[in-house]
Amino acid sequence: MTVRWRQLLVSLSLWLLAELVLNWVGIDDLVDYSEYLFERQAIVFYV
């Protein structure tokens, strides 16, 4: 399995930058909530 280190590093850097900017602006929680709402597969536990 070959890892594309450059692509991985760029993707992680962009994700980290986006998280920092959204957290600094104060809308990171809103984005996390929207990801939760639009998630296609949900884990459901039945008791």
PDB file of N, CA and C in Angstrom:
ATOM      1  N   MET A   1       0.854  -1.182   0.000  1.00  0.00           N
ATOM      2  CA  MET A   1       0.000   0.000   0.000  1.00  0.00           C
ATOM      3  C   MET A   1       0.894   1.237   0.000  1.00  0.00           C
ATOM      4  N   THR A   2       0.722   2.045  -0.998  1.00  0.00           N
ATOM      5  CA  THR A   2       1.534   3.243  -1.137  1.00  0.00           C
ATOM      6  C   THR A   2       0.780   4.437  -0.561  1.00  0.00           C
ATOM      7  N   VAL A   3       1.469   5.185   0.248  1.00  0.00           N
ATOM      8  CA  VAL A   3       0.869   6.379   0.841  1.00  0.00           C
ATOM      9  C   VAL A   3       1.360   7.586   0.061  1.00  0.00           C
ATOM     10  N   ARG A   4       0.447   8.406  -0.362  1.00  0.00           N
ATOM     11  CA  ARG A   4       0.807   9.641  -1.053  1.00  0.00           C
ATOM     12  C   ARG A   4       1.015  10.709   0.011  1.00  0.00           C
ATOM     13  N   TRP A   5       2.258  10.816   0.463  1.00  0.00           N
ATOM     14  CA  TRP A   5       2.573  11.674   1.603  1.00  0.00           C
ATOM     15  C   TRP A   5       2.265  13.133   1.333  1.00  0.00           C
ATOM     16  N   ARG A   6       2.567  13.612   0.146  1.00  0.00           N
ATOM     17  CA  ARG A   6       2.328  15.025  -0.162  1.00  0.00           C
ATOM     18  C   ARG A   6       0.830  15.336  -0.120  1.00  0.00           C
ATOM     19  N   GLN A   7       0.022  14.480  -0.733  1.00  0.00           N
ATOM     20  CA  GLN A   7      -1.425  14.690  -0.738  1.00  0.00           C
ATOM     21  C   GLN A   7      -1.991  14.586   0.678  1.00  0.00           C
ATOM     22  N   LEU A   8      -1.490  13.640   1.450  1.00  0.00           N
ATOM     23  CA  LEU A   8      -1.937  13.486   2.833  1.00  0.00           C
ATOM     24  C   LEU A   8      -1.594  14.718   3.660  1.00  0.00           C
ATOM     25  N   LEU A   9      -0.381  15.209   3.503  1.00  0.00           N
ATOM     26  CA  LEU A   9       0.052  16.385   4.252  1.00  0.00           C
ATOM     27  C   LEU A   9      -0.758  17.623   3.872  1.00  0.00           C
ATOM     28  N   VAL A  10      -1.030  17.792   2.586  1.00  0.00           N
ATOM     29  CA  VAL A  10      -1.828  18.937   2.137  1.00  0.00           C
ATOM     30  C   VAL A  10      -3.251  18.837   2.672  1.00  0.00           C
ATOM     31  N   SER A  11      -3.843  17.654   2.606  1.00  0.00           N
ATOM     32  CA  SER A  11      -5.214  17.471   3.100  1.00  0.00           C
ATOM     33  C   SER A  11      -5.312  17.735   4.596  1.00  0.00           C
ATOM     34  N   LEU A  12      -4.373  17.198   5.354  1.00  0.00           N
ATOM     35  CA  LEU A  12      -4.389  17.421   6.800  1.00  0.00           C
ATOM     36  C   LEU A  12      -4.145  18.882   7.151  1.00  0.00           C
ATOM     37  N   SER A  13      -3.273  19.536   6.409  1.00  0.00           N
ATOM     38  CA  SER A  13      -2.992  20.949   6.667  1.00  0.00           C
ATOM     39  C   SER A  13      -4.211  21.813   6.386  1.00  0.00           C
ATOM     40  N   LEU A  14      -4.900  21.541   5.276  1.00  0.00           N
ATOM     41  CA  LEU A  14      -6.106  22.309   4.954  1.00  0.00           C
ATOM     42  C   LEU A  14      -7.205  22.069   5.980  1.00  0.00           C
ATOM     43  N   TRP A  15      -7.358  20.826   6.420  1.00  0.00           N
ATOM     44  CA  TRP A  15      -8.363  20.523   7.434  1.00  0.00           C
ATOM     45  C   TRP A  15      -8.055  21.246   8.743  1.00  0.00           C
ATOM     46  N   LEU A  16      -6.784  21.212   9.152  1.00  0.00           N
ATOM     47  CA  LEU A  16      -6.391  21.874  10.389  1.00  0.00           C
ATOM     48  C   LEU A  16      -6.589  23.382  10.287  1.00  0.00           C
ATOM     49  N   LEU A  17      -6.234  23.965   9.162  1.00  0.00           N
ATOM     50  CA  LEU A  17      -6.422  25.399   8.956  1.00  0.00           C
ATOM     51  C   LEU A  17      -7.904  25.768   9.005  1.00  0.00           C
ATOM     52  N   ALA A  18      -8.739  24.967   8.361  1.00  0.00           N
ATOM     53  CA  ALA A  18     -10.179  25.231   8.382  1.00  0.00           C
ATOM     54  C   ALA A  18     -10.734  25.123   9.797  1.00  0.00           C
ATOM     55  N   GLU A  19     -10.307  24.123  10.557  1.00  0.00           N
ATOM     56  CA  GLU A  19     -10.760  23.974  11.938  1.00  0.00           C
ATOM     57  C   GLU A  19     -10.344  25.170  12.792  1.00  0.00           C
ATOM     58  N   LEU A  20      -9.118  25.613  12.628  1.00  0.00           N
ATOM     59  CA  LEU A  20      -8.641  26.756  13.413  1.00  0.00           C
ATOM     60  C   LEU A  20      -9.404  28.030  13.073  1.00  0.00           C
ATOM     61  N   VAL A  21      -9.611  28.277  11.786  1.00  0.00           N
ATOM     62  CA  VAL A  21     -10.321  29.495  11.370  1.00  0.00           C
ATOM     63  C   VAL A  21     -11.770  29.452  11.844  1.00  0.00           C
ATOM     64  N   LEU A  22     -12.442  28.322  11.651  1.00  0.00           N
ATOM     65  CA  LEU A  22     -13.841  28.225  12.076  1.00  0.00           C
ATOM     66  C   LEU A  22     -13.975  28.326  13.588  1.00  0.00           C
ATOM     67  N   ASN A  23     -13.037  27.774  14.312  1.00  0.00           N
ATOM     68  CA  ASN A  23     -13.068  27.865  15.766  1.00  0.00           C
ATOM     69  C   ASN A  23     -12.811  29.300  16.215  1.00  0.00           C
ATOM     70  N   TRP A  24     -11.903  29.977  15.554  1.00  0.00           N
ATOM     71  CA  TRP A  24     -11.583  31.367  15.893  1.00  0.00           C
ATOM     72  C   TRP A  24     -12.781  32.276  15.619  1.00  0.00           C
ATOM     73  N   VAL A  25     -13.489  32.021  14.513  1.00  0.00           N
ATOM     74  CA  VAL A  25     -14.662  32.821  14.163  1.00  0.00           C
ATOM     75  C   VAL A  25     -15.839  32.472  15.075  1.00  0.00           C
ATOM     76  N   GLY A  26     -15.870  31.245  15.545  1.00  0.00           N
ATOM     77  CA  GLY A  26     -16.926  30.845  16.469  1.00  0.00           C
ATOM     78  C   GLY A  26     -18.040  30.043  15.840  1.00  0.00           C
ATOM     79  N   ILE A  27     -17.848  29.571  14.623  1.00  0.00           N
ATOM     80  CA  ILE A  27     -18.908  28.806  13.977  1.00  0.00           C
ATOM     81  C   ILE A  27     -18.542  27.338  13.810  1.00  0.00           C
ATOM     82  N   ASP A  28     -17.524  26.875  14.495  1.00  0.00           N
ATOM     83  CA  ASP A  28     -17.128  25.473  14.394  1.00  0.00           C
ATOM     84  C   ASP A  28     -18.223  24.551  14.913  1.00  0.00           C
ATOM     85  N   ASP A  29     -18.892  24.942  15.990  1.00  0.00           N
ATOM     86  CA  ASP A  29     -19.976  24.121  16.530  1.00  0.00           C
ATOM     87  C   ASP A  29     -21.136  24.035  15.545  1.00  0.00           C
ATOM     88  N   LEU A  30     -21.412  25.130  14.850  1.00  0.00           N
ATOM     89  CA  LEU A  30     -22.481  25.141  13.857  1.00  0.00           C
ATOM     90  C   LEU A  30     -22.159  24.189  12.714  1.00  0.00           C
ATOM     91  N   VAL A  31     -20.923  24.185  12.276  1.00  0.00           N
ATOM     92  CA  VAL A  31     -20.508  23.292  11.198  1.00  0.00           C
ATOM     93  C   VAL A  31     -20.575  21.841  11.653  1.00  0.00           C
ATOM     94  N   ASP A  32     -20.134  21.559  12.873  1.00  0.00           N
ATOM     95  CA  ASP A  32     -20.211  20.196  13.399  1.00  0.00           C
ATOM     96  C   ASP A  32     -21.663  19.734  13.495  1.00  0.00           C
ATOM     97  N   TYR A  33     -22.555  20.623  13.893  1.00  0.00           N
ATOM     98  CA  TYR A  33     -23.966  20.272  14.002  1.00  0.00           C
ATOM     99  C   TYR A  33     -24.563  19.995  12.626  1.00  0.00           C
ATOM    100  N   SER A  34     -24.188  20.788  11.624  1.00  0.00           N
ATOM    101  CA  SER A  34     -24.714  20.556  10.282  1.00  0.00           C
ATOM    102  C   SER A  34     -24.192  19.239   9.714  1.00  0.00           C
ATOM    103  N   GLU A  35     -22.948  18.875  10.033  1.00  0.00           N
ATOM    104  CA  GLU A  35     -22.433  17.570   9.610  1.00  0.00           C
ATOM    105  C   GLU A  35     -23.243  16.457  10.255  1.00  0.00           C
ATOM    106  N   TYR A  36     -23.628  16.635  11.496  1.00  0.00           N
ATOM    107  CA  TYR A  36     -24.445  15.642  12.191  1.00  0.00           C
ATOM    108  C   TYR A  36     -25.821  15.513  11.529  1.00  0.00           C
ATOM    109  N   LEU A  37     -26.410  16.634  11.146  1.00  0.00           N
ATOM    110  CA  LEU A  37     -27.739  16.605  10.544  1.00  0.00           C
ATOM    111  C   LEU A  37     -27.736  15.957   9.164  1.00  0.00           C
ATOM    112  N   PHE A  38     -26.704  16.220   8.389  1.00  0.00           N
ATOM    113  CA  PHE A  38     -26.674  15.737   7.017  1.00  0.00           C
ATOM    114  C   PHE A  38     -25.943  14.407   6.856  1.00  0.00           C
ATOM    115  N   GLU A  39     -25.604  13.775   7.953  1.00  0.00           N
ATOM    116  CA  GLU A  39     -24.933  12.486   7.888  1.00  0.00           C
ATOM    117  C   GLU A  39     -25.909  11.450   7.349  1.00  0.00           C
ATOM    118  N   ARG A  40     -25.470  10.697   6.368  1.00  0.00           N
ATOM    119  CA  ARG A  40     -26.368   9.731   5.729  1.00  0.00           C
ATOM    120  C   ARG A  40     -26.536   8.458   6.549  1.00  0.00           C
ATOM    121  N   GLN A  41     -25.474   8.009   7.147  1.00  0.00           N
ATOM    122  CA  GLN A  41     -25.563   6.775   7.925  1.00  0.00           C
ATOM    123  C   GLN A  41     -25.450   7.121   9.402  1.00  0.00           C
ATOM    124  N   ALA A  42     -26.421   6.708  10.147  1.00  0.00           N
ATOM    125  CA  ALA A  42     -26.419   6.976  11.585  1.00  0.00           C
ATOM    126  C   ALA A  42     -26.355   5.651  12.333  1.00  0.00           C
ATOM    127  N   ILE A  43     -25.700   5.681  13.451  1.00  0.00           N
ATOM    128  CA  ILE A  43     -25.618   4.496  14.298  1.00  0.00           C
ATOM    129  C   ILE A  43     -26.765   4.571  15.298  1.00  0.00           C
ATOM    130  N   VAL A  44     -27.574   3.553  15.302  1.00  0.00           N
ATOM    131  CA  VAL A  44     -28.736   3.526  16.182  1.00  0.00           C
ATOM    132  C   VAL A  44     -28.589   2.337  17.120  1.00  0.00           C
ATOM    133  N   PHE A  45     -28.726   2.594  18.397  1.00  0.00           N
ATOM    134  CA  PHE A  45     -28.665   1.544  19.400  1.00  0.00           C
ATOM    135  C   PHE A  45     -30.065   1.305  19.952  1.00  0.00           C
ATOM    136  N   TYR A  46     -30.462   0.061  19.980  1.00  0.00           N
ATOM    137  CA  TYR A  46     -31.750  -0.305  20.547  1.00  0.00           C
ATOM    138  C   TYR A  46     -31.515  -0.985  21.885  1.00  0.00           C
ATOM    139  N   VAL A  47     -32.339  -0.642  22.858  1.00  0.00           N
ATOM    140  CA  VAL A  47     -32.210  -1.237  24.186  1.00  0.00           C
ATOM    141  C   VAL A  47     -33.307  -2.257  24.379  1.00  0.00           C
TER     142      VAL A  47
END
